[in-house]
Amino acid sequence: MNPVGVLRQIALHLERAGAPTYRVRAFRRAAGVVDDLSRAELERRAADGTLTELSGIGKTTAGVIAEVLAGREPAYLTEVAGGAENLPDGGALLTALRGDCHSHSDWSDGGSPIEEMAEAARALGHEYLVLTDHSPRLTVARGLSADRLREQLDVVAGLNVSYERDGTSFRVLTGIEVDILEDGGLDQEPELLDELDIVVASVHSHLRMERRRMTERMVAAVSNPRVDVLGHCTGRLVTGRGRPESEFDADAVFTACREHDVAVEINSRPERLDPPRRLLSRARELGCRFAIDTDAHAPGQLGWQSYGCARALECGVRAEDVVNTLPAERLLAWAHGD
């Protein structure tokens, strides 16, 4: 064990357990401070009790560092790991997943850089992570303009070159969570969408639209050949004050997904768990494909796929029905219609 790794591991466990953001940031901030110090200085400060004199190191993080330096597993790590592991059993389906098709970084409304998200995905054993930051219309989430998205594509390309240079097979795949506009159009330049590996299309506005119009809107979107995944289809929230499901003709929307080979997302966020079981079962009956995604906005949230897997298994979804059980090259071939 090393202090930096343990502090970051605690941050991941806290995120997975849904801890407040300030607690997570405290451990990541401490990890950054420790990373700039020599082992000798850390040991000296631990011995004379001056770790907390460092800006960004508090009583709890200092205790964790001291225990690691003494060769012991920190009690705090044991505690938070136990809480984070209180997740549903994703079974063989969770094991079969090769990656995640829906994630966010600090380029939009995520809380961490692309590299941190990628490293967390690697730590879970994923082969790839699809980066799907928001499109420009969602200004509250700092949606990416066309120019910012092009800039992000260059960053991702550079990151993948470094993985290849290091002999790592892991890849960050390019993508977007594009807003479905009121007329069913997509909130990004068509030519730019063509450059992306995976396009997730989601409704984020006018969620209470009249049923017929919402159905037409969603069918138009999934009929667009640039769309690969229909994200969190009902838009519901099941925790806190909650939010009701959008109303639409599920048979019409899911049939369009099947006919255009668009995967229905099984969104694993605990506050979404979208679609609800009755719609998930109906999509399976109609022969849809699925993508079991976390919609992660922080590294630790990438561990939430077990929520989606458990619901998928309850509704009879098989591993062969799930696109992110495919290795990267086959996933890309599917997305590009090959």
Protein backbone atom coordinates (compact mmCIF):
# COMPACT_ATOMS: atom_id res chain seq x y z
CA MET A 1 0.00 0.00 0.00
CA ASN A 2 1.01 3.59 -0.56
CA PRO A 3 -0.73 6.66 0.90
CA VAL A 4 -1.68 8.21 -2.44
CA GLY A 5 -3.26 5.02 -3.74
CA VAL A 6 -5.18 4.40 -0.50
CA LEU A 7 -6.52 7.96 -0.35
CA ARG A 8 -7.76 7.68 -3.94
CA GLN A 9 -9.24 4.27 -3.25
CA ILE A 10 -11.20 5.70 -0.31
CA ALA A 11 -12.50 8.48 -2.57
CA LEU A 12 -13.74 5.88 -5.06
CA HIS A 13 -15.48 3.88 -2.34
CA LEU A 14 -17.13 7.02 -0.97
CA GLU A 15 -18.44 7.95 -4.43
CA ARG A 16 -19.76 4.45 -4.99
CA ALA A 17 -21.61 4.64 -1.68
CA GLY A 18 -23.12 8.03 -2.57
CA ALA A 19 -21.21 10.04 0.04
CA PRO A 20 -21.35 13.86 -0.05
CA THR A 21 -19.05 15.41 -2.65
CA TYR A 22 -17.09 17.42 -0.06
CA ARG A 23 -15.93 14.21 1.64
CA VAL A 24 -14.78 12.71 -1.64
CA ARG A 25 -12.92 15.87 -2.57
CA ALA A 26 -11.17 15.94 0.80
CA PHE A 27 -9.52 12.58 0.10
CA ARG A 28 -8.64 13.46 -3.50
CA ARG A 29 -7.18 16.77 -2.35
CA ALA A 30 -5.12 14.98 0.31
CA ALA A 31 -3.89 12.50 -2.31
CA GLY A 32 -2.69 15.40 -4.44
CA VAL A 33 -0.80 16.93 -1.51
CA VAL A 34 0.84 13.65 -0.57
CA ASP A 35 1.82 12.93 -4.17
CA ASP A 36 4.09 15.99 -4.13
CA LEU A 37 5.99 14.91 -0.99
CA SER A 38 8.78 12.42 -0.49
CA ARG A 39 8.27 9.29 1.56
CA ALA A 40 10.90 10.55 3.99
CA GLU A 41 9.05 13.80 4.65
CA LEU A 42 5.76 11.97 5.10
CA GLU A 43 7.31 9.58 7.62
CA ARG A 44 8.91 12.47 9.50
CA ARG A 45 5.64 14.38 9.72
CA ALA A 46 3.72 11.27 10.73
CA ALA A 47 6.24 10.63 13.51
CA ASP A 48 6.11 14.16 14.92
CA GLY A 49 2.37 14.66 14.33
CA THR A 50 2.63 17.54 11.85
CA LEU A 51 0.77 16.08 8.88
CA THR A 52 -2.22 18.29 9.59
CA GLU A 53 -0.03 21.38 9.23
CA LEU A 54 -0.07 20.70 5.49
CA SER A 55 -2.83 22.54 3.64
CA GLY A 56 -5.36 19.97 2.46
CA ILE A 57 -4.60 17.38 5.15
CA GLY A 58 -7.14 17.04 7.94
CA LYS A 59 -7.37 14.81 10.99
CA THR A 60 -9.02 11.90 9.17
CA THR A 61 -6.75 11.93 6.13
CA ALA A 62 -3.69 12.32 8.38
CA GLY A 63 -4.76 9.24 10.31
CA VAL A 64 -5.12 7.25 7.09
CA ILE A 65 -1.66 8.32 5.92
CA ALA A 66 -0.07 7.43 9.25
CA GLU A 67 -1.63 3.97 9.28
CA VAL A 68 -0.45 3.24 5.76
CA LEU A 69 3.08 4.37 6.60
CA ALA A 70 2.97 2.03 9.62
CA GLY A 71 2.12 -0.88 7.31
CA ARG A 72 -1.51 -1.27 8.44
CA GLU A 73 -4.70 -1.19 6.42
CA PRO A 74 -6.46 1.96 7.59
CA ALA A 75 -9.61 1.37 9.60
CA TYR A 76 -11.34 4.09 7.57
CA LEU A 77 -10.63 2.21 4.33
CA THR A 78 -12.12 -0.97 5.79
CA GLU A 79 -15.19 0.94 6.91
CA VAL A 80 -15.93 2.70 3.62
CA ALA A 81 -15.11 -0.36 1.53
CA GLY A 82 -17.73 -2.31 3.44
CA GLY A 83 -20.35 0.36 2.81
CA ALA A 84 -19.51 0.67 -0.88
CA GLU A 85 -19.80 -3.07 -1.40
CA ASN A 86 -23.42 -3.02 -0.31
CA LEU A 87 -24.46 -3.20 -3.95
CA PRO A 88 -26.81 -5.63 -5.69
CA ASP A 89 -25.37 -8.78 -7.21
CA GLY A 90 -24.85 -8.20 -10.91
CA GLY A 91 -24.05 -11.87 -11.42
CA ALA A 92 -22.52 -13.21 -14.61
CA LEU A 93 -23.90 -10.27 -16.55
CA LEU A 94 -21.72 -7.83 -14.62
CA THR A 95 -18.70 -10.03 -15.27
CA ALA A 96 -19.52 -10.09 -18.98
CA LEU A 97 -19.44 -6.29 -19.37
CA ARG A 98 -16.38 -4.97 -21.20
CA GLY A 99 -17.00 -1.27 -20.65
CA ASP A 100 -19.44 1.57 -20.07
CA CYS A 101 -21.14 3.54 -22.86
CA HIS A 102 -22.24 6.61 -20.85
CA SER A 103 -19.93 8.71 -18.68
CA HIS A 104 -19.17 12.37 -18.00
CA SER A 105 -16.01 14.30 -17.19
CA ASP A 106 -15.31 17.81 -15.92
CA TRP A 107 -15.56 18.99 -19.51
CA SER A 108 -19.32 19.16 -18.87
CA ASP A 109 -21.03 18.41 -15.54
CA GLY A 110 -18.77 15.62 -14.28
CA GLY A 111 -16.46 16.22 -11.36
CA SER A 112 -13.19 14.71 -12.57
CA PRO A 113 -10.77 14.96 -15.50
CA ILE A 114 -10.96 12.45 -18.35
CA GLU A 115 -7.79 10.74 -17.14
CA GLU A 116 -9.23 10.07 -13.68
CA MET A 117 -12.40 8.62 -15.16
CA ALA A 118 -10.33 6.42 -17.45
CA GLU A 119 -8.09 5.18 -14.64
CA ALA A 120 -11.12 4.29 -12.51
CA ALA A 121 -12.58 2.33 -15.42
CA ARG A 122 -9.27 0.48 -15.85
CA ALA A 123 -9.21 -0.33 -12.14
CA LEU A 124 -12.61 -2.01 -12.55
CA GLY A 125 -11.19 -4.21 -15.28
CA HIS A 126 -12.95 -2.43 -18.14
CA GLU A 127 -11.47 -2.57 -21.62
CA TYR A 128 -12.94 0.77 -22.64
CA LEU A 129 -14.87 3.79 -21.44
CA VAL A 130 -17.09 5.84 -23.72
CA LEU A 131 -16.84 9.53 -22.87
CA THR A 132 -20.25 11.14 -23.44
CA ASP A 133 -20.25 14.70 -22.18
CA HIS A 134 -23.33 16.83 -22.82
CA SER A 135 -24.21 18.76 -25.97
CA PRO A 136 -24.37 22.59 -26.18
CA ARG A 137 -28.06 23.17 -25.47
CA LEU A 138 -27.70 21.82 -21.92
CA THR A 139 -25.98 24.96 -20.67
CA VAL A 140 -26.65 24.13 -17.01
CA ALA A 141 -24.35 21.12 -17.51
CA ARG A 142 -21.72 23.09 -19.46
CA GLY A 143 -22.61 21.26 -22.66
CA LEU A 144 -19.86 21.15 -25.27
CA SER A 145 -20.00 23.44 -28.29
CA ALA A 146 -18.75 21.97 -31.55
CA ASP A 147 -15.37 23.65 -31.03
CA ARG A 148 -15.02 22.35 -27.46
CA LEU A 149 -15.99 18.85 -28.57
CA ARG A 150 -13.34 18.93 -31.31
CA GLU A 151 -10.81 20.02 -28.69
CA GLN A 152 -11.89 17.12 -26.48
CA LEU A 153 -11.43 14.67 -29.36
CA ASP A 154 -7.79 15.78 -29.62
CA VAL A 155 -7.30 15.24 -25.88
CA VAL A 156 -8.79 11.75 -26.07
CA ALA A 157 -6.63 10.88 -29.07
CA GLY A 158 -3.53 11.92 -27.15
CA LEU A 159 -4.57 9.89 -24.11
CA ASN A 160 -5.10 6.80 -26.26
CA VAL A 161 -1.67 7.27 -27.85
CA SER A 162 -0.14 7.24 -24.37
CA TYR A 163 -2.01 4.02 -23.50
CA GLU A 164 -0.79 2.40 -26.70
CA ARG A 165 2.77 3.55 -26.05
CA ASP A 166 2.61 1.98 -22.59
CA GLY A 167 1.37 -1.30 -24.06
CA THR A 168 -2.06 -0.87 -22.48
CA SER A 169 -5.04 -2.23 -24.39
CA PHE A 170 -7.49 0.06 -22.59
CA ARG A 171 -9.12 2.77 -24.73
CA VAL A 172 -11.26 5.84 -24.21
CA LEU A 173 -13.90 5.86 -26.94
CA THR A 174 -15.26 9.16 -28.16
CA GLY A 175 -18.91 10.00 -27.75
CA ILE A 176 -21.57 12.43 -26.65
CA GLU A 177 -24.84 12.49 -24.76
CA VAL A 178 -26.69 14.55 -27.31
CA ASP A 179 -29.94 16.28 -26.41
CA ILE A 180 -33.03 15.21 -28.30
CA LEU A 181 -34.62 18.47 -29.39
CA GLU A 182 -38.36 19.06 -29.30
CA ASP A 183 -38.74 18.11 -32.95
CA GLY A 184 -36.64 14.95 -32.57
CA GLY A 185 -33.49 16.53 -33.99
CA LEU A 186 -30.06 16.19 -32.38
CA ASP A 187 -28.23 19.00 -30.61
CA GLN A 188 -24.89 18.87 -32.43
CA GLU A 189 -23.45 19.29 -35.92
CA PRO A 190 -24.27 16.15 -37.98
CA GLU A 191 -20.76 15.97 -39.45
CA LEU A 192 -19.25 16.03 -35.98
CA LEU A 193 -21.58 13.29 -34.74
CA ASP A 194 -20.30 11.19 -37.65
CA GLU A 195 -16.77 11.41 -36.20
CA LEU A 196 -17.75 9.95 -32.82
CA ASP A 197 -17.54 6.32 -31.77
CA ILE A 198 -20.83 6.20 -29.81
CA VAL A 199 -23.77 8.61 -29.72
CA VAL A 200 -26.17 8.44 -26.77
CA ALA A 201 -29.34 10.47 -27.35
CA SER A 202 -31.42 11.60 -24.37
CA VAL A 203 -34.35 13.87 -23.57
CA HIS A 204 -33.46 16.51 -20.99
CA SER A 205 -36.06 19.22 -21.59
CA HIS A 206 -39.85 19.45 -21.83
CA LEU A 207 -40.13 16.11 -20.07
CA ARG A 208 -43.88 16.62 -19.53
CA MET A 209 -44.56 16.94 -23.24
CA GLU A 210 -47.89 15.50 -24.40
CA ARG A 211 -47.71 11.73 -25.02
CA ARG A 212 -48.19 11.75 -28.80
CA ARG A 213 -45.64 14.52 -29.36
CA MET A 214 -43.12 12.88 -27.04
CA THR A 215 -43.52 9.59 -28.92
CA GLU A 216 -42.93 11.32 -32.26
CA ARG A 217 -39.95 13.15 -30.81
CA MET A 218 -38.27 9.98 -29.51
CA VAL A 219 -39.06 7.90 -32.60
CA ALA A 220 -37.56 10.60 -34.82
CA ALA A 221 -34.38 10.61 -32.73
CA VAL A 222 -33.81 6.84 -32.67
CA SER A 223 -34.57 6.69 -36.40
CA ASN A 224 -31.56 8.95 -37.00
CA PRO A 225 -28.72 6.71 -38.24
CA ARG A 226 -26.23 8.63 -36.08
CA VAL A 227 -27.85 7.47 -32.81
CA ASP A 228 -26.55 4.31 -31.13
CA VAL A 229 -28.13 4.37 -27.65
CA LEU A 230 -31.38 5.83 -26.28
CA GLY A 231 -30.44 7.24 -22.86
CA HIS A 232 -32.61 7.09 -19.68
CA CYS A 233 -35.80 6.91 -21.72
CA THR A 234 -38.42 8.01 -19.16
CA GLY A 235 -36.34 10.75 -17.50
CA ARG A 236 -37.68 9.72 -14.11
CA LEU A 237 -36.01 10.30 -10.74
CA VAL A 238 -36.87 7.92 -7.91
CA THR A 239 -35.10 9.52 -4.94
CA GLY A 240 -35.50 12.82 -3.10
CA ARG A 241 -38.40 14.87 -4.42
CA GLY A 242 -38.45 12.56 -7.43
CA ARG A 243 -39.67 13.21 -10.96
CA PRO A 244 -42.41 11.34 -12.80
CA GLU A 245 -41.86 9.41 -15.99
CA SER A 246 -42.30 11.10 -19.32
CA GLU A 247 -45.33 9.74 -21.16
CA PHE A 248 -44.84 8.07 -24.55
CA ASP A 249 -45.95 5.03 -26.50
CA ALA A 250 -43.35 2.53 -25.34
CA ASP A 251 -44.19 -0.02 -28.02
CA ALA A 252 -43.71 2.56 -30.77
CA VAL A 253 -40.42 3.83 -29.34
CA PHE A 254 -38.94 0.41 -28.57
CA THR A 255 -40.03 -0.98 -31.94
CA ALA A 256 -38.22 1.91 -33.60
CA CYS A 257 -35.15 1.12 -31.48
CA ARG A 258 -35.26 -2.50 -32.63
CA GLU A 259 -35.79 -1.61 -36.29
CA HIS A 260 -32.92 0.90 -36.30
CA ASP A 261 -30.71 -1.24 -34.04
CA VAL A 262 -30.50 1.40 -31.31
CA ALA A 263 -29.74 0.04 -27.84
CA VAL A 264 -32.11 0.95 -25.02
CA GLU A 265 -30.03 2.15 -22.11
CA ILE A 266 -30.44 0.49 -18.73
CA ASN A 267 -29.33 3.46 -16.66
CA SER A 268 -27.71 2.30 -13.43
CA ARG A 269 -27.73 5.56 -11.47
CA PRO A 270 -29.54 4.79 -8.17
CA GLU A 271 -31.70 7.90 -8.53
CA ARG A 272 -32.75 6.94 -12.08
CA LEU A 273 -32.91 3.13 -12.49
CA ASP A 274 -34.42 3.84 -15.88
CA PRO A 275 -36.35 2.28 -17.56
CA PRO A 276 -38.65 0.89 -14.86
CA ARG A 277 -39.03 -2.88 -14.85
CA ARG A 278 -42.30 -3.00 -16.79
CA LEU A 279 -40.76 -1.03 -19.67
CA LEU A 280 -37.49 -2.90 -19.51
CA SER A 281 -39.39 -6.18 -19.80
CA ARG A 282 -41.40 -4.81 -22.71
CA ALA A 283 -38.29 -3.68 -24.56
CA ARG A 284 -36.87 -7.18 -24.12
CA GLU A 285 -40.10 -8.77 -25.41
CA LEU A 286 -39.92 -6.54 -28.49
CA GLY A 287 -36.38 -7.72 -29.22
CA CYS A 288 -34.35 -4.62 -28.35
CA ARG A 289 -30.66 -4.50 -27.63
CA PHE A 290 -29.49 -2.84 -24.43
CA ALA A 291 -26.56 -0.89 -23.01
CA ILE A 292 -26.01 -1.19 -19.25
CA ASP A 293 -24.46 2.14 -18.33
CA THR A 294 -23.67 4.12 -15.21
CA ASP A 295 -24.11 7.66 -16.50
CA ALA A 296 -21.19 8.26 -14.13
CA HIS A 297 -20.29 11.83 -13.22
CA ALA A 298 -17.42 10.81 -10.92
CA PRO A 299 -14.90 7.94 -10.96
CA GLY A 300 -16.45 5.96 -8.11
CA GLN A 301 -19.83 5.96 -9.82
CA LEU A 302 -18.43 3.72 -12.55
CA GLY A 303 -18.92 0.91 -10.04
CA TRP A 304 -22.71 1.28 -10.19
CA GLN A 305 -23.25 -1.05 -13.14
CA SER A 306 -24.37 -3.80 -10.77
CA TYR A 307 -27.61 -1.87 -10.22
CA GLY A 308 -28.40 -2.08 -13.92
CA CYS A 309 -27.24 -5.67 -14.21
CA ALA A 310 -29.47 -6.82 -11.35
CA ARG A 311 -32.52 -5.20 -12.95
CA ALA A 312 -31.62 -6.61 -16.36
CA LEU A 313 -31.37 -10.13 -14.95
CA GLU A 314 -34.72 -9.75 -13.19
CA CYS A 315 -36.29 -8.85 -16.54
CA GLY A 316 -34.70 -11.68 -18.53
CA VAL A 317 -32.05 -9.69 -20.38
CA ARG A 318 -29.20 -11.91 -21.61
CA ALA A 319 -25.55 -11.03 -22.01
CA GLU A 320 -25.84 -11.39 -25.79
CA ASP A 321 -28.54 -8.69 -25.75
CA VAL A 322 -26.16 -6.13 -24.22
CA VAL A 323 -23.88 -4.19 -26.56
CA ASN A 324 -21.23 -3.38 -23.97
CA THR A 325 -20.48 -7.04 -23.46
CA LEU A 326 -18.78 -6.70 -26.86
CA PRO A 327 -15.05 -5.97 -27.12
CA ALA A 328 -14.23 -2.50 -28.39
CA GLU A 329 -13.73 -3.38 -32.05
CA ARG A 330 -17.00 -5.29 -32.26
CA LEU A 331 -18.83 -2.52 -30.42
CA LEU A 332 -17.54 0.00 -32.95
CA ALA A 333 -18.46 -2.27 -35.84
CA TRP A 334 -22.00 -2.50 -34.47
CA ALA A 335 -22.24 1.26 -33.95
CA HIS A 336 -21.07 1.94 -37.49
CA GLY A 337 -23.40 -0.62 -39.02
CA ASP A 338 -20.66 -3.03 -40.13
